[in-house]
Amino acid sequence: MSARKGRGHWFIDEATDQYLAGLDLAMAAGEPPGGLWARIAGSLEGVDGANVEVRLEHGCWREFAPGIAYKRLWDRNTVLLRCAPGAWVPEHEHALFEHTVVVSGDLTIGDDVFGPGDYLGTPGGGTHPLWTTRAGCVVLVHYEAA
């Protein structure tokens, strides 16, 4: 298989991306073999250094909850959430530290309303109350490794 031009160097095709995405949840996190990153970097020497671009509407969006879809970005711990107006997520606890940045729209968590550029950090073991959006939003979420 070869990467499709214009979709980024790491994207193979939609079907393969969907198939492999499930493996993220099935496999325990582990450390790569020693020297792997150096070997990868060495094999990339001389490769065109063009930017990798992923447009908001491109890629594979998956349903998370009614009115909420997500897509992975550069690793399994970084996702975009796209929320329709009125969508909500119930109160929940986090195993890992969660960084949340509102990219567009509004996000209401408890009594606080967050707008574009606003940040919320939730420690591992911490909870945040139900959150919702009035007008809809796009949110960047990153989980730190334990």
N, C-alpha and C. Protein backbone atom coordinates (compact mmCIF):
# COMPACT_ATOMS: atom_id res chain seq x y z
N MET A 1 0.84 -1.18 0.00
CA MET A 1 0.00 0.00 0.00
C MET A 1 0.87 1.24 0.00
N SER A 2 0.39 2.27 -0.59
CA SER A 2 1.15 3.52 -0.60
C SER A 2 0.26 4.66 -0.14
N ALA A 3 0.90 5.64 0.47
CA ALA A 3 0.15 6.80 0.96
C ALA A 3 -0.42 7.58 -0.22
N ARG A 4 -1.65 8.06 -0.06
CA ARG A 4 -2.26 8.87 -1.10
C ARG A 4 -1.74 10.29 -1.03
N LYS A 5 -1.42 10.85 -2.17
CA LYS A 5 -0.90 12.21 -2.23
C LYS A 5 -1.95 13.18 -1.72
N GLY A 6 -1.52 14.15 -0.93
CA GLY A 6 -2.42 15.17 -0.43
C GLY A 6 -3.11 14.80 0.87
N ARG A 7 -2.96 13.57 1.35
CA ARG A 7 -3.63 13.15 2.59
C ARG A 7 -2.64 13.02 3.74
N GLY A 8 -1.38 13.37 3.54
CA GLY A 8 -0.39 13.25 4.60
C GLY A 8 0.44 11.99 4.39
N HIS A 9 1.67 12.04 4.84
CA HIS A 9 2.59 10.92 4.65
C HIS A 9 2.18 9.67 5.42
N TRP A 10 1.42 9.80 6.49
CA TRP A 10 1.16 8.66 7.37
C TRP A 10 -0.20 8.03 7.10
N PHE A 11 -1.01 8.60 6.24
CA PHE A 11 -2.34 8.08 5.96
C PHE A 11 -2.24 7.09 4.81
N ILE A 12 -2.75 5.89 4.99
CA ILE A 12 -2.71 4.89 3.92
C ILE A 12 -4.00 4.96 3.12
N ASP A 13 -5.10 4.57 3.72
CA ASP A 13 -6.42 4.70 3.11
C ASP A 13 -7.45 4.59 4.23
N GLU A 14 -8.68 4.99 3.96
CA GLU A 14 -9.72 5.05 4.98
C GLU A 14 -9.98 3.69 5.63
N ALA A 15 -10.08 2.64 4.82
CA ALA A 15 -10.39 1.31 5.36
C ALA A 15 -9.27 0.82 6.29
N THR A 16 -8.02 1.01 5.88
CA THR A 16 -6.90 0.58 6.71
C THR A 16 -6.84 1.39 7.99
N ASP A 17 -7.06 2.71 7.90
CA ASP A 17 -7.05 3.56 9.09
C ASP A 17 -8.11 3.09 10.08
N GLN A 18 -9.31 2.80 9.61
CA GLN A 18 -10.39 2.34 10.49
C GLN A 18 -10.03 0.99 11.12
N TYR A 19 -9.46 0.09 10.34
CA TYR A 19 -9.09 -1.23 10.84
C TYR A 19 -8.02 -1.13 11.91
N LEU A 20 -7.00 -0.33 11.66
CA LEU A 20 -5.89 -0.21 12.61
C LEU A 20 -6.26 0.59 13.85
N ALA A 21 -7.23 1.51 13.75
CA ALA A 21 -7.59 2.35 14.90
C ALA A 21 -8.03 1.50 16.08
N GLY A 22 -8.74 0.41 15.83
CA GLY A 22 -9.18 -0.45 16.92
C GLY A 22 -8.04 -1.11 17.66
N LEU A 23 -6.91 -1.29 17.01
CA LEU A 23 -5.76 -1.91 17.67
C LEU A 23 -5.20 -1.03 18.78
N ASP A 24 -5.39 0.28 18.69
CA ASP A 24 -4.92 1.18 19.75
C ASP A 24 -5.50 0.78 21.09
N LEU A 25 -6.76 0.40 21.10
CA LEU A 25 -7.42 0.06 22.35
C LEU A 25 -7.13 -1.37 22.78
N ALA A 26 -6.73 -2.23 21.87
CA ALA A 26 -6.49 -3.63 22.18
C ALA A 26 -5.07 -3.90 22.68
N MET A 27 -4.15 -3.03 22.35
CA MET A 27 -2.75 -3.27 22.69
C MET A 27 -2.32 -2.42 23.87
N ALA A 28 -1.61 -3.03 24.79
CA ALA A 28 -1.05 -2.28 25.91
C ALA A 28 0.06 -1.37 25.39
N ALA A 29 0.19 -0.20 26.03
CA ALA A 29 1.27 0.71 25.66
C ALA A 29 2.60 0.05 26.00
N GLY A 30 3.58 0.28 25.21
CA GLY A 30 4.91 -0.29 25.46
C GLY A 30 5.99 0.60 24.90
N GLU A 31 7.19 0.32 25.27
CA GLU A 31 8.33 1.07 24.77
C GLU A 31 8.83 0.44 23.47
N PRO A 32 9.20 1.26 22.49
CA PRO A 32 9.74 0.71 21.25
C PRO A 32 11.12 0.11 21.49
N PRO A 33 11.55 -0.79 20.62
CA PRO A 33 12.89 -1.37 20.76
C PRO A 33 13.95 -0.27 20.72
N GLY A 34 15.04 -0.48 21.44
CA GLY A 34 16.12 0.50 21.46
C GLY A 34 16.62 0.84 20.07
N GLY A 35 16.81 2.12 19.81
CA GLY A 35 17.34 2.58 18.54
C GLY A 35 16.32 2.68 17.41
N LEU A 36 15.06 2.32 17.68
CA LEU A 36 14.06 2.34 16.62
C LEU A 36 13.89 3.73 16.02
N TRP A 37 13.74 4.75 16.89
CA TRP A 37 13.52 6.11 16.38
C TRP A 37 14.72 6.60 15.58
N ALA A 38 15.92 6.24 15.98
CA ALA A 38 17.11 6.63 15.22
C ALA A 38 17.11 5.97 13.85
N ARG A 39 16.69 4.69 13.79
CA ARG A 39 16.62 3.99 12.50
C ARG A 39 15.57 4.62 11.60
N ILE A 40 14.43 4.98 12.18
CA ILE A 40 13.38 5.62 11.38
C ILE A 40 13.88 6.96 10.86
N ALA A 41 14.48 7.78 11.74
CA ALA A 41 14.99 9.08 11.32
C ALA A 41 16.04 8.92 10.22
N GLY A 42 16.90 7.93 10.35
CA GLY A 42 17.92 7.68 9.32
C GLY A 42 17.31 7.31 7.99
N SER A 43 16.22 6.54 8.02
CA SER A 43 15.59 6.15 6.76
C SER A 43 14.84 7.30 6.11
N LEU A 44 14.56 8.34 6.88
CA LEU A 44 13.84 9.49 6.33
C LEU A 44 14.77 10.57 5.80
N GLU A 45 16.06 10.40 5.99
CA GLU A 45 17.00 11.41 5.48
C GLU A 45 16.83 11.55 3.98
N GLY A 46 16.74 12.77 3.54
CA GLY A 46 16.58 13.04 2.12
C GLY A 46 15.13 13.02 1.65
N VAL A 47 14.20 12.64 2.53
CA VAL A 47 12.78 12.64 2.16
C VAL A 47 12.30 14.08 2.17
N ASP A 48 11.43 14.39 1.22
CA ASP A 48 10.86 15.74 1.14
C ASP A 48 10.32 16.16 2.50
N GLY A 49 10.74 17.31 2.98
CA GLY A 49 10.35 17.80 4.29
C GLY A 49 9.08 18.60 4.28
N ALA A 50 8.17 18.31 3.38
CA ALA A 50 6.92 19.06 3.29
C ALA A 50 6.08 18.86 4.55
N ASN A 51 5.29 19.84 4.87
CA ASN A 51 4.38 19.74 6.01
C ASN A 51 3.35 18.65 5.77
N VAL A 52 2.89 18.05 6.86
CA VAL A 52 1.78 17.12 6.81
C VAL A 52 0.54 17.92 7.14
N GLU A 53 -0.46 17.86 6.28
CA GLU A 53 -1.68 18.63 6.48
C GLU A 53 -2.86 17.69 6.62
N VAL A 54 -3.70 17.96 7.61
CA VAL A 54 -4.96 17.24 7.77
C VAL A 54 -6.03 18.29 8.00
N ARG A 55 -6.94 18.41 7.09
CA ARG A 55 -8.02 19.40 7.19
C ARG A 55 -9.10 18.86 8.13
N LEU A 56 -9.83 19.76 8.78
CA LEU A 56 -10.82 19.37 9.76
C LEU A 56 -11.79 18.32 9.23
N GLU A 57 -12.28 18.49 8.03
CA GLU A 57 -13.28 17.56 7.49
C GLU A 57 -12.67 16.28 6.94
N HIS A 58 -11.36 16.24 6.73
CA HIS A 58 -10.72 15.04 6.18
C HIS A 58 -10.43 14.04 7.29
N GLY A 59 -10.17 12.83 6.90
CA GLY A 59 -9.82 11.80 7.86
C GLY A 59 -11.06 11.07 8.34
N CYS A 60 -10.84 10.22 9.29
CA CYS A 60 -11.90 9.34 9.76
C CYS A 60 -12.47 9.83 11.08
N TRP A 61 -13.69 10.31 11.05
CA TRP A 61 -14.41 10.72 12.26
C TRP A 61 -15.21 9.52 12.74
N ARG A 62 -15.14 9.24 14.04
CA ARG A 62 -15.86 8.12 14.64
C ARG A 62 -16.82 8.65 15.70
N GLU A 63 -17.97 7.98 15.83
CA GLU A 63 -18.94 8.43 16.84
C GLU A 63 -18.43 8.08 18.23
N PHE A 64 -18.50 9.05 19.12
CA PHE A 64 -18.13 8.88 20.53
C PHE A 64 -19.39 8.77 21.38
N ALA A 65 -20.33 9.63 21.12
CA ALA A 65 -21.62 9.69 21.82
C ALA A 65 -22.58 10.40 20.87
N PRO A 66 -23.88 10.36 21.14
CA PRO A 66 -24.81 11.06 20.24
C PRO A 66 -24.42 12.54 20.07
N GLY A 67 -24.20 12.94 18.82
CA GLY A 67 -23.85 14.31 18.52
C GLY A 67 -22.38 14.65 18.71
N ILE A 68 -21.57 13.66 19.07
CA ILE A 68 -20.14 13.90 19.31
C ILE A 68 -19.32 12.88 18.52
N ALA A 69 -18.41 13.39 17.70
CA ALA A 69 -17.51 12.54 16.91
C ALA A 69 -16.07 12.91 17.27
N TYR A 70 -15.17 11.96 17.07
CA TYR A 70 -13.76 12.22 17.34
C TYR A 70 -12.91 11.67 16.21
N LYS A 71 -11.71 12.24 16.08
CA LYS A 71 -10.71 11.65 15.20
C LYS A 71 -9.36 11.82 15.85
N ARG A 72 -8.54 10.79 15.68
CA ARG A 72 -7.19 10.81 16.22
C ARG A 72 -6.34 11.76 15.40
N LEU A 73 -5.37 12.36 16.07
CA LEU A 73 -4.42 13.21 15.36
C LEU A 73 -3.10 12.47 15.27
N TRP A 74 -2.05 12.95 15.92
CA TRP A 74 -0.73 12.37 15.71
C TRP A 74 -0.43 11.16 16.57
N ASP A 75 -1.22 10.85 17.58
CA ASP A 75 -1.01 9.65 18.37
C ASP A 75 -2.32 9.24 19.03
N ARG A 76 -2.31 8.10 19.73
CA ARG A 76 -3.55 7.61 20.33
C ARG A 76 -4.04 8.48 21.48
N ASN A 77 -3.19 9.36 22.01
CA ASN A 77 -3.56 10.21 23.14
C ASN A 77 -4.02 11.60 22.75
N THR A 78 -4.13 11.88 21.46
CA THR A 78 -4.50 13.22 21.01
C THR A 78 -5.64 13.11 20.00
N VAL A 79 -6.76 13.76 20.33
CA VAL A 79 -7.94 13.68 19.47
C VAL A 79 -8.60 15.04 19.33
N LEU A 80 -9.35 15.19 18.26
CA LEU A 80 -10.28 16.31 18.12
C LEU A 80 -11.67 15.76 18.40
N LEU A 81 -12.46 16.51 19.15
CA LEU A 81 -13.87 16.20 19.34
C LEU A 81 -14.67 17.25 18.59
N ARG A 82 -15.66 16.82 17.82
CA ARG A 82 -16.56 17.73 17.12
C ARG A 82 -17.94 17.49 17.71
N CYS A 83 -18.50 18.52 18.33
CA CYS A 83 -19.75 18.38 19.08
C CYS A 83 -20.85 19.21 18.45
N ALA A 84 -21.99 18.58 18.21
CA ALA A 84 -23.16 19.28 17.67
C ALA A 84 -23.81 20.12 18.78
N PRO A 85 -24.55 21.14 18.40
CA PRO A 85 -25.25 21.93 19.41
C PRO A 85 -26.10 21.03 20.31
N GLY A 86 -26.00 21.27 21.62
CA GLY A 86 -26.77 20.50 22.59
C GLY A 86 -26.17 19.16 22.99
N ALA A 87 -25.09 18.73 22.34
CA ALA A 87 -24.46 17.45 22.69
C ALA A 87 -23.90 17.54 24.10
N TRP A 88 -23.80 16.39 24.78
CA TRP A 88 -23.30 16.40 26.15
C TRP A 88 -22.56 15.10 26.46
N VAL A 89 -21.67 15.20 27.45
CA VAL A 89 -20.92 14.05 27.96
C VAL A 89 -21.17 14.02 29.47
N PRO A 90 -21.57 12.87 30.03
CA PRO A 90 -21.85 12.82 31.46
C PRO A 90 -20.58 12.99 32.30
N GLU A 91 -20.78 13.26 33.58
CA GLU A 91 -19.64 13.34 34.51
C GLU A 91 -18.85 12.04 34.40
N HIS A 92 -17.53 12.19 34.43
CA HIS A 92 -16.68 11.00 34.35
C HIS A 92 -15.32 11.26 34.98
N GLU A 93 -14.65 10.18 35.33
CA GLU A 93 -13.32 10.25 35.94
C GLU A 93 -12.27 9.97 34.88
N HIS A 94 -11.09 10.56 35.07
CA HIS A 94 -9.99 10.35 34.13
C HIS A 94 -8.87 9.53 34.76
N ALA A 95 -8.41 8.53 34.04
CA ALA A 95 -7.27 7.75 34.50
C ALA A 95 -5.97 8.51 34.26
N LEU A 96 -5.93 9.30 33.19
CA LEU A 96 -4.75 10.07 32.81
C LEU A 96 -5.06 11.56 32.89
N PHE A 97 -4.01 12.38 32.99
CA PHE A 97 -4.21 13.83 32.97
C PHE A 97 -4.76 14.20 31.60
N GLU A 98 -5.84 14.98 31.58
CA GLU A 98 -6.48 15.40 30.33
C GLU A 98 -6.29 16.89 30.13
N HIS A 99 -5.69 17.26 28.99
CA HIS A 99 -5.58 18.66 28.57
C HIS A 99 -6.70 18.90 27.56
N THR A 100 -7.49 19.94 27.76
CA THR A 100 -8.59 20.26 26.86
C THR A 100 -8.46 21.71 26.42
N VAL A 101 -8.47 21.94 25.10
CA VAL A 101 -8.43 23.30 24.55
C VAL A 101 -9.61 23.44 23.59
N VAL A 102 -10.41 24.47 23.80
CA VAL A 102 -11.53 24.75 22.89
C VAL A 102 -10.96 25.42 21.65
N VAL A 103 -11.20 24.82 20.49
CA VAL A 103 -10.72 25.37 19.23
C VAL A 103 -11.75 26.34 18.66
N SER A 104 -13.03 25.96 18.70
CA SER A 104 -14.09 26.83 18.22
C SER A 104 -15.38 26.52 18.97
N GLY A 105 -16.28 27.48 19.00
CA GLY A 105 -17.56 27.29 19.64
C GLY A 105 -17.51 27.51 21.14
N ASP A 106 -18.44 26.86 21.85
CA ASP A 106 -18.53 27.02 23.30
C ASP A 106 -18.59 25.66 23.97
N LEU A 107 -18.05 25.57 25.16
CA LEU A 107 -18.07 24.34 25.94
C LEU A 107 -18.41 24.73 27.37
N THR A 108 -19.48 24.14 27.93
CA THR A 108 -19.88 24.43 29.29
C THR A 108 -19.58 23.20 30.15
N ILE A 109 -18.79 23.42 31.20
CA ILE A 109 -18.44 22.36 32.15
C ILE A 109 -18.84 22.88 33.52
N GLY A 110 -19.85 22.26 34.12
CA GLY A 110 -20.37 22.77 35.39
C GLY A 110 -20.92 24.17 35.17
N ASP A 111 -20.45 25.13 35.96
CA ASP A 111 -20.90 26.53 35.84
C ASP A 111 -19.99 27.36 34.94
N ASP A 112 -18.93 26.76 34.40
CA ASP A 112 -17.94 27.50 33.60
C ASP A 112 -18.21 27.34 32.11
N VAL A 113 -18.14 28.46 31.39
CA VAL A 113 -18.28 28.44 29.94
C VAL A 113 -16.92 28.76 29.34
N PHE A 114 -16.45 27.87 28.46
CA PHE A 114 -15.15 28.02 27.82
C PHE A 114 -15.37 28.36 26.35
N GLY A 115 -14.52 29.26 25.82
CA GLY A 115 -14.59 29.65 24.41
C GLY A 115 -13.28 29.36 23.71
N PRO A 116 -13.17 29.76 22.44
CA PRO A 116 -11.97 29.50 21.66
C PRO A 116 -10.69 29.95 22.39
N GLY A 117 -9.73 29.02 22.47
CA GLY A 117 -8.45 29.30 23.12
C GLY A 117 -8.43 28.99 24.61
N ASP A 118 -9.60 28.75 25.22
CA ASP A 118 -9.64 28.44 26.65
C ASP A 118 -9.14 27.02 26.89
N TYR A 119 -8.53 26.84 28.07
CA TYR A 119 -7.89 25.57 28.44
C TYR A 119 -8.45 25.07 29.77
N LEU A 120 -8.57 23.76 29.88
CA LEU A 120 -8.92 23.11 31.14
C LEU A 120 -8.05 21.88 31.29
N GLY A 121 -7.41 21.73 32.45
CA GLY A 121 -6.62 20.54 32.75
C GLY A 121 -7.30 19.74 33.84
N THR A 122 -7.48 18.44 33.62
CA THR A 122 -8.10 17.57 34.62
C THR A 122 -7.10 16.49 35.00
N PRO A 123 -6.65 16.47 36.25
CA PRO A 123 -5.64 15.48 36.67
C PRO A 123 -6.16 14.05 36.59
N GLY A 124 -5.24 13.10 36.41
CA GLY A 124 -5.60 11.69 36.47
C GLY A 124 -6.24 11.41 37.82
N GLY A 125 -7.32 10.64 37.82
CA GLY A 125 -8.05 10.37 39.05
C GLY A 125 -9.07 11.45 39.35
N GLY A 126 -9.02 12.57 38.61
CA GLY A 126 -9.96 13.66 38.82
C GLY A 126 -11.20 13.48 37.97
N THR A 127 -12.23 14.20 38.31
CA THR A 127 -13.47 14.16 37.53
C THR A 127 -13.85 15.56 37.12
N HIS A 128 -14.64 15.65 36.10
CA HIS A 128 -15.31 16.92 35.82
C HIS A 128 -16.77 16.62 35.56
N PRO A 129 -17.63 17.58 35.92
CA PRO A 129 -19.07 17.35 35.79
C PRO A 129 -19.48 17.26 34.32
N LEU A 130 -20.74 16.92 34.13
CA LEU A 130 -21.30 16.88 32.80
C LEU A 130 -20.86 18.11 32.01
N TRP A 131 -20.49 17.92 30.74
CA TRP A 131 -20.22 19.08 29.90
C TRP A 131 -21.08 19.03 28.67
N THR A 132 -21.38 20.22 28.17
CA THR A 132 -22.27 20.36 27.04
C THR A 132 -21.84 21.57 26.20
N THR A 133 -22.52 21.77 25.08
CA THR A 133 -22.25 22.91 24.22
C THR A 133 -23.58 23.45 23.69
N ARG A 134 -23.75 24.75 23.74
CA ARG A 134 -24.99 25.35 23.22
C ARG A 134 -24.96 25.44 21.70
N ALA A 135 -23.89 26.01 21.15
CA ALA A 135 -23.82 26.28 19.71
C ALA A 135 -23.02 25.22 18.95
N GLY A 136 -22.40 24.28 19.65
CA GLY A 136 -21.51 23.31 19.03
C GLY A 136 -20.07 23.75 19.23
N CYS A 137 -19.14 22.82 19.12
CA CYS A 137 -17.74 23.16 19.32
C CYS A 137 -16.81 22.12 18.71
N VAL A 138 -15.56 22.53 18.58
CA VAL A 138 -14.46 21.62 18.25
C VAL A 138 -13.47 21.77 19.40
N VAL A 139 -13.05 20.64 19.97
CA VAL A 139 -12.19 20.64 21.14
C VAL A 139 -10.99 19.73 20.88
N LEU A 140 -9.80 20.21 21.22
CA LEU A 140 -8.58 19.41 21.16
C LEU A 140 -8.37 18.80 22.53
N VAL A 141 -8.21 17.48 22.59
CA VAL A 141 -7.99 16.79 23.86
C VAL A 141 -6.70 15.97 23.75
N HIS A 142 -5.85 16.12 24.78
CA HIS A 142 -4.61 15.33 24.83
C HIS A 142 -4.49 14.71 26.21
N TYR A 143 -4.24 13.39 26.22
CA TYR A 143 -4.06 12.66 27.48
C TYR A 143 -2.58 12.37 27.66
N GLU A 144 -2.06 12.71 28.85
CA GLU A 144 -0.66 12.39 29.14
C GLU A 144 -0.54 10.93 29.53
N ALA A 145 0.56 10.34 29.14
CA ALA A 145 0.82 8.96 29.53
C ALA A 145 0.94 8.89 31.05
N ALA A 146 0.51 7.77 31.60
CA ALA A 146 0.52 7.58 33.07
C ALA A 146 1.95 7.54 33.59
